[in-house]
Amino acid sequence: MTYCLGFLLQSGLVFASDSRTNAGVDYISSYSKMHVLAPAPDRLFVLMAAGNLGTTQAVLNRIRRDIENHGAGPSPQWSRQDDPPAGPSMLTARYLFEVADYIGRLNVMVQKEFNPNLRQAGASGEASFILGGQIAGQPHGLYMVYPQGNAIMATADTPFLQIGETKYGKPPLDYIGRPDLSLEDAARLCLVSEIVTRRSNLTVGPPFEIALVRRDEFKVGRHLKLEKEAPEIQHTMDVWARHMQEGLNKLPRFAWEQDPL
């Protein structure tokens, strides 16, 4: 399993992901779930993935192939099912939602190719993605692409999107996550979300990656990779836990505590 989240802010975008992949309790490895794609100077995309690792890698390989072969036409070595899906790609899209649709079509195409064999083995080929970025002349945005190929976008009312093991890290985001946070405060909040998820679920773990993209800059302004022993992880958790304990001590007393029998 894994845990990735993206945060849509007024000033830009923040992305966070873990790096743990497991195929049972006796096979655990690390793969980066965060991928930066800059196919042209006027656009930047960050793509994070959760689900079947083979599916996510196949989708990424096809994205890179389509970028490299843009305008060259299908290769004679490609099979019909490998042809790029119809419609805009990362290089030709004018709007971010078109890129989300393109990733959704690739995702469905890859699953359709491999799912019959995976089902026979009792496995699932499903994968989901978080796409964030900006195309020049358009606002920055954030989308979640489902295994079925459709997508939803983040809004001011719902500024963060999650994939993977989402439930444990959601409360901190629900309570204080707002689109007017600074990029740095949102990054700290995303790190807390990753750490508390790791605390409750062993299928999520470091290295943790954090990326900050400022609006209209078309580059990753800050990228942080925290290994298991990174002092920032323990210090962040210590501060968060201490303030939760202080908050617990300040909660209203029950009636029987104020007027004991």
Protein backbone atom coordinates (compact mmCIF):
# COMPACT_ATOMS: atom_id res chain seq x y z
CA MET A 1 0.00 0.00 0.00
CA THR A 2 1.02 3.63 -0.13
CA TYR A 3 -0.19 7.10 0.78
CA CYS A 4 -0.02 10.17 -1.44
CA LEU A 5 -1.71 13.53 -1.11
CA GLY A 6 -1.81 16.78 -2.99
CA PHE A 7 -2.84 20.21 -1.67
CA LEU A 8 -4.30 22.99 -3.82
CA LEU A 9 -3.39 26.38 -2.38
CA GLN A 10 -3.93 29.94 -3.50
CA SER A 11 -0.15 30.31 -3.86
CA GLY A 12 0.55 26.99 -5.56
CA LEU A 13 0.63 23.25 -4.95
CA VAL A 14 2.11 20.89 -2.36
CA PHE A 15 2.65 17.17 -2.91
CA ALA A 16 3.56 14.47 -0.40
CA SER A 17 4.13 10.73 -0.75
CA ASP A 18 5.65 7.79 1.01
CA SER A 19 7.85 5.23 -0.76
CA ARG A 20 6.81 1.87 0.65
CA THR A 21 5.57 -0.96 -1.57
CA ASN A 22 4.66 -4.38 -0.30
CA ALA A 23 3.58 -7.68 -1.80
CA GLY A 24 2.73 -9.46 1.42
CA VAL A 25 4.25 -9.17 4.88
CA ASP A 26 7.53 -10.77 3.81
CA TYR A 27 8.27 -8.59 0.78
CA ILE A 28 8.56 -4.87 1.39
CA SER A 29 10.51 -2.49 -0.85
CA SER A 30 10.78 1.20 -1.67
CA TYR A 31 9.76 2.97 -4.86
CA SER A 32 9.28 6.67 -5.38
CA LYS A 33 5.60 7.46 -5.98
CA MET A 34 6.23 11.07 -7.04
CA HIS A 35 7.11 11.88 -10.65
CA VAL A 36 7.86 15.33 -12.09
CA LEU A 37 7.10 15.79 -15.79
CA ALA A 38 8.05 18.97 -17.65
CA PRO A 39 7.42 18.14 -21.34
CA ALA A 40 7.67 21.81 -22.45
CA PRO A 41 8.72 25.15 -20.92
CA ASP A 42 5.08 26.30 -20.67
CA ARG A 43 3.86 23.41 -18.53
CA LEU A 44 4.73 21.38 -15.45
CA PHE A 45 3.03 18.31 -14.01
CA VAL A 46 3.56 16.28 -10.85
CA LEU A 47 2.08 12.79 -10.90
CA MET A 48 1.72 10.49 -7.88
CA ALA A 49 0.48 6.92 -8.01
CA ALA A 50 -1.04 4.29 -5.76
CA GLY A 51 -2.18 0.75 -6.47
CA ASN A 52 -0.67 -1.94 -8.64
CA LEU A 53 2.99 -1.04 -9.18
CA GLY A 54 3.13 -2.72 -12.57
CA THR A 55 0.16 -0.67 -13.79
CA THR A 56 1.56 2.62 -12.51
CA GLN A 57 4.97 1.98 -14.09
CA ALA A 58 3.35 0.98 -17.39
CA VAL A 59 1.31 4.20 -17.43
CA LEU A 60 4.42 6.28 -16.70
CA ASN A 61 6.40 4.49 -19.41
CA ARG A 62 3.68 5.24 -21.94
CA ILE A 63 3.54 8.89 -20.90
CA ARG A 64 7.29 9.25 -21.42
CA ARG A 65 7.11 7.37 -24.72
CA ASP A 66 4.34 9.67 -26.00
CA ILE A 67 6.39 12.74 -25.03
CA GLU A 68 9.52 11.44 -26.75
CA ASN A 69 7.65 10.37 -29.90
CA HIS A 70 5.41 13.43 -30.20
CA GLY A 71 4.91 14.16 -33.89
CA ALA A 72 6.83 11.06 -35.00
CA GLY A 73 3.76 8.84 -35.48
CA PRO A 74 3.34 5.29 -34.18
CA SER A 75 6.45 3.14 -34.14
CA PRO A 76 6.29 0.08 -36.40
CA GLN A 77 7.18 -2.04 -33.33
CA TRP A 78 4.05 -0.94 -31.44
CA SER A 79 1.08 -3.26 -31.33
CA ARG A 80 -2.37 -1.82 -31.90
CA GLN A 81 -3.15 -1.90 -28.18
CA ASP A 82 0.04 0.09 -27.48
CA ASP A 83 -0.91 3.02 -29.71
CA PRO A 84 -1.28 6.31 -27.83
CA PRO A 85 -4.91 6.95 -26.83
CA ALA A 86 -6.86 9.41 -28.95
CA GLY A 87 -7.13 12.97 -27.68
CA PRO A 88 -4.75 15.54 -26.18
CA SER A 89 -1.56 14.40 -24.48
CA MET A 90 0.70 16.11 -21.96
CA LEU A 91 2.38 18.02 -24.77
CA THR A 92 -0.72 19.07 -26.69
CA ALA A 93 -3.29 19.66 -23.95
CA ARG A 94 -4.49 23.23 -23.46
CA TYR A 95 -6.17 22.54 -20.13
CA LEU A 96 -5.17 20.51 -17.10
CA PHE A 97 -8.39 18.48 -17.16
CA GLU A 98 -7.38 17.22 -20.61
CA VAL A 99 -4.17 15.85 -19.11
CA ALA A 100 -6.22 14.13 -16.37
CA ASP A 101 -8.42 12.59 -19.07
CA TYR A 102 -5.33 11.43 -20.98
CA ILE A 103 -3.91 9.71 -17.87
CA GLY A 104 -7.29 8.13 -17.25
CA ARG A 105 -7.37 6.69 -20.77
CA LEU A 106 -3.87 5.30 -20.40
CA ASN A 107 -4.75 3.80 -17.03
CA VAL A 108 -7.80 2.00 -18.43
CA MET A 109 -5.84 0.83 -21.49
CA VAL A 110 -3.06 -0.70 -19.37
CA GLN A 111 -5.52 -2.40 -17.00
CA LYS A 112 -7.49 -3.81 -19.92
CA GLU A 113 -4.30 -5.36 -21.28
CA PHE A 114 -3.15 -7.04 -18.06
CA ASN A 115 -6.28 -7.57 -15.92
CA PRO A 116 -7.30 -10.97 -17.38
CA ASN A 117 -4.02 -12.57 -16.32
CA LEU A 118 -3.99 -10.74 -13.00
CA ARG A 119 -7.48 -11.91 -12.15
CA GLN A 120 -6.46 -15.50 -12.81
CA ALA A 121 -3.73 -15.01 -10.22
CA GLY A 122 -6.16 -13.40 -7.76
CA ALA A 123 -4.57 -9.95 -8.08
CA SER A 124 -5.90 -6.54 -9.03
CA GLY A 125 -4.37 -4.30 -11.67
CA GLU A 126 -6.14 -1.17 -10.46
CA ALA A 127 -4.20 2.06 -9.93
CA SER A 128 -5.13 5.62 -9.07
CA PHE A 129 -3.24 8.86 -9.60
CA ILE A 130 -2.99 12.41 -8.29
CA LEU A 131 -2.12 14.92 -10.98
CA GLY A 132 -1.17 18.49 -10.21
CA GLY A 133 0.38 21.25 -12.25
CA GLN A 134 -0.21 24.15 -14.57
CA ILE A 135 -0.27 25.03 -18.26
CA ALA A 136 0.63 28.60 -19.22
CA GLY A 137 -2.42 30.82 -19.52
CA GLN A 138 -4.47 28.56 -17.23
CA PRO A 139 -4.77 28.36 -13.44
CA HIS A 140 -2.89 25.73 -11.49
CA GLY A 141 -4.96 22.73 -10.42
CA LEU A 142 -5.12 19.31 -8.83
CA TYR A 143 -6.95 16.15 -9.95
CA MET A 144 -7.46 12.62 -8.72
CA VAL A 145 -7.73 10.00 -11.49
CA TYR A 146 -9.67 6.86 -10.61
CA PRO A 147 -8.90 3.33 -11.86
CA GLN A 148 -11.98 3.58 -14.09
CA GLY A 149 -10.44 6.54 -15.94
CA ASN A 150 -12.60 9.40 -14.68
CA ALA A 151 -11.27 12.19 -12.48
CA ILE A 152 -12.30 14.75 -9.89
CA MET A 153 -10.61 18.07 -9.14
CA ALA A 154 -9.71 19.81 -5.91
CA THR A 155 -11.63 22.99 -5.05
CA ALA A 156 -11.50 25.73 -2.44
CA ASP A 157 -13.98 23.70 -0.36
CA THR A 158 -12.00 20.47 -0.78
CA PRO A 159 -8.41 21.64 -1.33
CA PHE A 160 -6.63 18.33 -0.75
CA LEU A 161 -6.87 14.96 -2.50
CA GLN A 162 -5.58 11.59 -1.23
CA ILE A 163 -4.92 8.16 -2.71
CA GLY A 164 -3.83 4.91 -1.13
CA GLU A 165 -4.13 4.47 2.64
CA THR A 166 -6.07 7.68 3.21
CA LYS A 167 -8.08 7.36 6.42
CA TYR A 168 -5.42 7.73 9.10
CA GLY A 169 -3.91 10.96 7.77
CA LYS A 170 -7.16 12.74 6.97
CA PRO A 171 -8.13 14.26 10.38
CA PRO A 172 -5.24 16.79 10.54
CA LEU A 173 -6.09 17.92 7.01
CA ASP A 174 -9.80 18.20 7.80
CA TYR A 175 -9.23 20.32 10.89
CA ILE A 176 -6.68 22.90 9.74
CA GLY A 177 -6.18 22.41 6.00
CA ARG A 178 -7.18 25.58 4.13
CA PRO A 179 -6.33 26.92 0.67
CA ASP A 180 -4.92 30.14 2.18
CA LEU A 181 -2.11 28.31 3.99
CA SER A 182 1.41 29.10 2.89
CA LEU A 183 3.22 26.48 0.85
CA GLU A 184 5.52 25.78 3.78
CA ASP A 185 2.71 25.41 6.34
CA ALA A 186 0.83 23.11 3.97
CA ALA A 187 4.01 21.07 3.49
CA ARG A 188 4.38 20.69 7.27
CA LEU A 189 0.74 19.63 7.54
CA CYS A 190 1.21 17.07 4.74
CA LEU A 191 4.27 15.68 6.52
CA VAL A 192 2.24 15.29 9.72
CA SER A 193 -0.42 13.47 7.71
CA GLU A 194 2.20 11.07 6.34
CA ILE A 195 3.77 10.46 9.75
CA VAL A 196 0.51 9.75 11.61
CA THR A 197 -0.47 7.37 8.80
CA ARG A 198 2.81 5.50 9.21
CA ARG A 199 2.15 5.31 12.95
CA SER A 200 -1.14 3.49 12.34
CA ASN A 201 -0.35 1.46 9.22
CA LEU A 202 2.88 -0.41 8.55
CA THR A 203 2.26 -0.51 4.79
CA VAL A 204 3.10 3.22 4.69
CA GLY A 205 6.63 4.35 5.41
CA PRO A 206 9.63 6.49 4.54
CA PRO A 207 11.37 7.80 2.61
CA PHE A 208 8.78 10.59 2.55
CA GLU A 209 8.89 13.03 -0.35
CA ILE A 210 7.58 16.60 -0.27
CA ALA A 211 7.43 18.91 -3.30
CA LEU A 212 6.38 22.56 -3.49
CA VAL A 213 5.33 24.25 -6.73
CA ARG A 214 4.62 27.97 -6.69
CA ARG A 215 1.87 29.27 -8.96
CA ASP A 216 3.02 30.41 -12.44
CA GLU A 217 6.63 29.26 -11.95
CA PHE A 218 6.53 25.96 -13.94
CA LYS A 219 9.19 24.31 -11.81
CA VAL A 220 9.46 22.46 -8.52
CA GLY A 221 10.66 25.14 -6.15
CA ARG A 222 11.46 22.83 -3.25
CA HIS A 223 11.86 19.07 -3.10
CA LEU A 224 12.55 17.24 0.15
CA LYS A 225 13.23 13.53 0.66
CA LEU A 226 13.25 12.35 4.25
CA GLU A 227 14.81 8.98 5.00
CA LYS A 228 13.73 6.85 7.95
CA GLU A 229 16.37 8.32 10.26
CA ALA A 230 15.75 11.95 9.27
CA PRO A 231 15.51 14.08 12.45
CA GLU A 232 12.68 16.12 10.90
CA ILE A 233 10.37 13.10 11.11
CA GLN A 234 10.82 12.46 14.83
CA HIS A 235 10.89 16.16 15.74
CA THR A 236 7.67 16.81 13.81
CA MET A 237 5.94 13.90 15.54
CA ASP A 238 7.22 14.96 18.97
CA VAL A 239 5.91 18.51 18.55
CA TRP A 240 2.56 17.31 17.18
CA ALA A 241 2.10 14.79 20.02
CA ARG A 242 3.08 17.32 22.68
CA HIS A 243 0.54 19.86 21.47
CA MET A 244 -2.19 17.21 21.32
CA GLN A 245 -1.40 16.33 24.94
CA GLU A 246 -1.53 20.02 25.90
CA GLY A 247 -4.87 20.32 24.13
CA LEU A 248 -6.21 17.27 25.98
CA ASN A 249 -5.21 18.86 29.30
CA LYS A 250 -7.15 22.03 28.40
CA LEU A 251 -10.39 20.32 27.38
CA PRO A 252 -13.48 21.10 29.53
CA ARG A 253 -13.83 18.93 32.63
CA PHE A 254 -16.76 16.57 33.05
CA ALA A 255 -19.41 17.58 35.57
CA TRP A 256 -18.35 14.90 38.05
CA GLU A 257 -14.78 16.23 37.98
CA GLN A 258 -15.91 19.76 38.82
CA ASP A 259 -18.32 18.67 41.58
CA PRO A 260 -17.15 15.30 42.86
CA LEU A 261 -19.43 13.35 45.16
